[in-house]
Structure formats: C-alpha cells, structure tokens
Protein backbone atom coordinates (compact mmCIF):
# COMPACT_ATOMS: atom_id res chain seq x y z
CA UNK A 1 -18.25 8.68 -5.10
CA UNK A 2 -20.26 6.22 -6.73
CA UNK A 3 -18.83 7.12 -10.35
CA UNK A 4 -15.42 7.05 -8.64
CA UNK A 5 -16.06 3.10 -7.47
CA UNK A 6 -17.57 2.54 -10.82
CA UNK A 7 -14.44 3.73 -12.67
CA UNK A 8 -12.22 1.73 -10.12
CA UNK A 9 -14.38 -0.96 -10.40
CA UNK A 10 -14.02 -0.94 -14.16
CA UNK A 11 -10.05 -0.81 -13.71
CA UNK A 12 -10.16 -3.99 -12.28
CA UNK A 13 -12.11 -5.83 -14.43
CA UNK A 14 -10.18 -4.41 -17.24
CA UNK A 15 -6.55 -4.36 -15.97
CA UNK A 16 -6.15 -0.64 -16.97
CA UNK A 17 -3.24 1.03 -15.90
CA UNK A 18 -4.47 4.35 -13.68
CA UNK A 19 -3.16 7.46 -12.44
CA UNK A 20 -4.32 9.42 -9.50
CA UNK A 21 -3.27 11.80 -7.12
CA UNK A 22 -3.90 12.64 -3.44
CA UNK A 23 -4.09 15.67 -1.23
CA UNK A 24 -1.07 14.60 0.90
CA UNK A 25 1.42 13.82 -1.08
CA UNK A 26 3.17 15.59 -4.62
CA UNK A 27 3.11 13.92 -7.66
CA UNK A 28 0.39 10.98 -8.47
CA UNK A 29 0.56 6.80 -8.19
CA UNK A 30 0.47 4.70 -10.92
CA UNK A 31 -0.49 1.29 -11.40
CA UNK A 32 -2.83 -1.28 -11.52
CA UNK A 33 -6.11 -1.54 -8.94
CA UNK A 34 -6.58 -5.39 -7.75
CA UNK A 35 -9.39 -4.85 -5.50
CA UNK A 36 -11.97 -2.27 -4.29
CA UNK A 37 -13.32 -2.64 -0.63
CA UNK A 38 -15.88 -0.11 0.92
CA UNK A 39 -13.64 2.42 1.63
CA UNK A 40 -10.03 1.42 0.36
CA UNK A 41 -8.29 0.04 -2.76
CA UNK A 42 -5.93 -2.41 -3.14
CA UNK A 43 -3.31 -1.26 -5.40
CA UNK A 44 0.02 -2.68 -7.39
CA UNK A 45 1.97 0.61 -7.78
CA UNK A 46 4.86 1.56 -9.87
CA UNK A 47 7.79 3.17 -8.38
CA UNK A 48 9.69 5.95 -9.74
CA UNK A 49 10.24 3.96 -13.10
CA UNK A 50 8.88 1.54 -15.05
CA UNK A 51 9.14 -1.39 -11.83
CA UNK A 52 5.82 -2.67 -10.30
CA UNK A 53 7.10 -1.87 -6.42
CA UNK A 54 4.78 -3.41 -4.13
CA UNK A 55 1.14 -2.80 -3.10
CA UNK A 56 -1.09 0.26 -1.32
CA UNK A 57 -4.16 0.20 0.22
CA UNK A 58 -5.51 3.85 0.07
CA UNK A 59 -8.55 5.64 1.04
CA UNK A 60 -11.03 5.83 -1.86
CA UNK A 61 -11.94 9.33 -0.40
CA UNK A 62 -8.59 10.72 -0.59
CA UNK A 63 -8.44 9.91 -4.44
CA UNK A 64 -8.27 13.02 -7.12
CA UNK A 65 -7.57 13.67 -10.50
CA UNK A 66 -8.35 9.71 -11.55
CA UNK A 67 -7.43 8.78 -14.93
CA UNK A 68 -6.87 5.90 -17.17
CA UNK A 69 -3.22 6.14 -18.83
CA UNK A 70 -3.71 6.58 -22.65
CA UNK A 71 -3.42 3.56 -24.66
CA UNK A 72 0.06 4.78 -25.89
CA UNK A 73 1.65 5.14 -22.45
CA UNK A 74 -0.34 1.92 -21.04
CA UNK A 75 1.08 -0.12 -23.97
CA UNK A 76 4.79 1.62 -23.25
CA UNK A 77 4.77 0.14 -19.70
CA UNK A 78 3.23 -3.20 -20.71
CA UNK A 79 6.16 -3.39 -23.34
CA UNK A 80 8.78 -2.82 -20.74
CA UNK A 81 6.94 -4.91 -17.61
CA UNK A 82 7.55 -7.73 -20.33
CA UNK A 83 10.91 -7.25 -21.60
CA UNK A 84 12.05 -7.27 -18.04
CA UNK A 85 10.00 -10.73 -17.36
CA UNK A 86 7.14 -8.96 -15.13
CA UNK A 87 3.75 -8.93 -14.96
CA UNK A 88 0.83 -7.45 -13.25
CA UNK A 89 0.97 -9.43 -9.69
CA UNK A 90 -1.79 -11.54 -8.49
CA UNK A 91 -4.30 -10.25 -5.73
CA UNK A 92 -2.49 -10.86 -1.98
CA UNK A 93 -5.11 -12.20 -0.05
CA UNK A 94 -6.07 -8.64 1.72
CA UNK A 95 -9.10 -7.89 3.21
CA UNK A 96 -10.44 -4.68 2.02
CA UNK A 97 -13.62 -4.54 4.84
CA UNK A 98 -11.70 -2.16 7.24
CA UNK A 99 -8.44 -0.93 8.10
CA UNK A 100 -8.41 -3.51 10.98
CA UNK A 101 -8.46 -6.29 8.42
CA UNK A 102 -6.45 -4.70 5.68
CA UNK A 103 -3.65 -4.47 8.70
CA UNK A 104 -4.52 -8.24 10.02
CA UNK A 105 -4.09 -9.59 6.56
CA UNK A 106 -1.12 -7.43 5.26
CA UNK A 107 0.74 -8.15 8.60
CA UNK A 108 -0.13 -12.01 8.32
CA UNK A 109 1.19 -12.31 4.18
CA UNK A 110 4.02 -10.02 4.51
CA UNK A 111 6.52 -9.43 6.62
CA UNK A 112 6.52 -5.59 7.11
CA UNK A 113 3.96 -3.25 6.80
CA UNK A 114 4.19 0.40 6.17
CA UNK A 115 1.25 2.67 7.89
CA UNK A 116 0.63 6.39 6.75
CA UNK A 117 -1.45 8.83 9.01
CA UNK A 118 -0.95 11.52 6.68
CA UNK A 119 -3.61 13.62 8.51
CA UNK A 120 -2.17 13.66 12.06
CA UNK A 121 1.89 13.00 10.92
CA UNK A 122 1.77 14.28 7.36
CA UNK A 123 5.05 13.08 5.87
CA UNK A 124 5.87 10.46 8.62
CA UNK A 125 5.58 6.58 7.76
CA UNK A 126 6.02 3.56 10.14
CA UNK A 127 7.21 0.21 9.43
CA UNK A 128 7.13 -2.56 11.25
CA UNK A 129 5.06 -5.88 12.44
CA UNK A 130 1.30 -5.26 13.94
CA UNK A 131 1.34 -6.54 17.45
CA UNK A 132 -2.18 -6.55 18.18
CA UNK A 133 -5.47 -4.50 17.35
CA UNK A 134 -8.11 -3.88 20.05
CA UNK A 135 -11.08 -1.11 20.60
CA UNK A 136 -10.07 1.23 17.92
CA UNK A 137 -6.16 0.97 18.17
CA UNK A 138 -3.18 -1.07 16.95
CA UNK A 139 0.11 -1.85 18.11
CA UNK A 140 3.45 -1.97 16.32
CA UNK A 141 6.98 -3.03 16.73
CA UNK A 142 8.54 -0.62 14.34
CA UNK A 143 12.19 -1.07 12.46
CA UNK A 144 14.42 1.80 12.20
CA UNK A 145 15.77 2.96 8.93
CA UNK A 146 19.19 1.27 9.52
CA UNK A 147 16.87 -2.08 10.11
CA UNK A 148 17.40 -2.21 13.57
CA UNK A 149 14.40 -3.20 15.81
CA UNK A 150 13.63 -1.17 18.65
CA UNK A 151 14.24 -2.83 22.00
CA UNK A 152 10.70 -3.69 24.16
CA UNK A 153 8.85 -0.96 22.79
CA UNK A 154 5.43 -1.31 21.05
CA UNK A 155 3.84 2.24 19.31
CA UNK A 156 0.23 2.51 19.67
CA UNK A 157 -2.12 4.02 17.05
CA UNK A 158 -5.91 4.61 16.13
CA UNK A 159 -6.98 2.52 13.48
CA UNK A 160 -8.85 5.59 12.35
CA UNK A 161 -5.94 8.04 11.59
CA UNK A 162 -4.55 5.60 8.92
CA UNK A 163 -5.04 6.86 5.35
CA UNK A 164 -2.59 4.37 3.76
CA UNK A 165 -0.96 1.01 3.93
CA UNK A 166 2.19 -0.06 2.11
CA UNK A 167 3.32 -3.90 1.68
CA UNK A 168 6.22 -5.98 -0.37
CA UNK A 169 7.80 -2.38 -1.64
CA UNK A 170 11.52 -2.58 -2.57
CA UNK A 171 12.15 -0.17 0.91
CA UNK A 172 9.98 -2.75 3.01
CA UNK A 173 11.76 -6.03 1.92
CA UNK A 174 15.37 -4.28 2.09
CA UNK A 175 14.92 -3.20 5.60
CA UNK A 176 13.26 -6.98 6.20
CA UNK A 177 16.42 -8.56 4.49
CA UNK A 178 18.78 -6.49 6.33
CA UNK A 179 17.05 -6.30 9.50
CA UNK A 180 15.23 -9.87 9.86
CA UNK A 181 12.32 -10.60 11.64
CA UNK A 182 11.19 -8.97 15.16
CA UNK A 183 12.94 -10.48 18.17
CA UNK A 184 10.52 -12.37 19.82
CA UNK A 185 10.06 -10.82 23.35
C-alpha cells in the first residue's frame, strides 16, 4: 500500500496521466490524480473518449494494475485537450479525510453526487443529493434516470458500503439540467 500511495503522490506532483483497474468494473480508469487522502483519491477522469468527464473519489485499496501512460499516449491526450481548449481541472474543494467528508463536501460543491456500493450492490449507482449524515449512515434524495425527483422518499445507506463517489460528470450535469434541484419539502 505504501508503494501505491507513493506512486499516486508522484502522479499528483508531476500531473501524470495514469490508468488503473478496479475489481468491480470492466476496463480501466484513466485520468489525473488531483489529491491523495488516507483511504481515497480524488481524480479528474476521462470518459470513453478524449474528454475529461468529471471527478471520482475511489478507495486506494481497490486500485489494481496502476500504471503511468506512456509518454506518447500522455502527449496525445494532452494534444487533444489543448486542441479542444480543455485543461486538467483545478482540484475541487473535496475533503478526502473519510467517506462522510467526501460526501459532505462534494454535495456542497456540486448539485448531484453519484455513489456506488459495489460490494453490496454491484452495478448499481445512486444519484442525488445527500440530505443528512449521522451515526455511520447517510440519506439521499435520488433523481431517476428520466431526471425526475422521487416523492418525499429518502434512501438510507451505510457510509462503510461506499466504494466510489462521482460528481460533475456529463451524466450528472445532464440530469441536473433536465431535472433541476430537488423539491424542497
């Protein structure tokens, strides 16, 4: 774990394009590590193509096959970003101390957060607004895939089940643009 942490810290310092896999999903994650916390990293990620597509916080323990992109691949990605007028985003104000602080600060900085509980619910993602955090649990008002907010229902989850938090991706932004903010109740 110390070797992995050292690699990730170097990636932050040198703004390295990295790639890794996780046991819960096919393929790999590509992007730039913006910060390293005690158990989670904050990363600006590429979507399926050459466009940066939001941020994720994932557990360091889940990172597998961690590698730097080759110089030629990193150069190609940087060229595409430059031609598209994009750059590596600044680090958003996300507190990586623990899952609770990640959810609190992401929820304050962005209109929607996506949470994954891949060990307990593989392939399921919950998107919405965190309304309360207390005693190892949190509550969310969720937005559906058709951008409609549920009635008055809040969903409760364990903080310890969270394996990945995503925010400010194209999908989350699109849901917010179509569905707006949650109704005040």
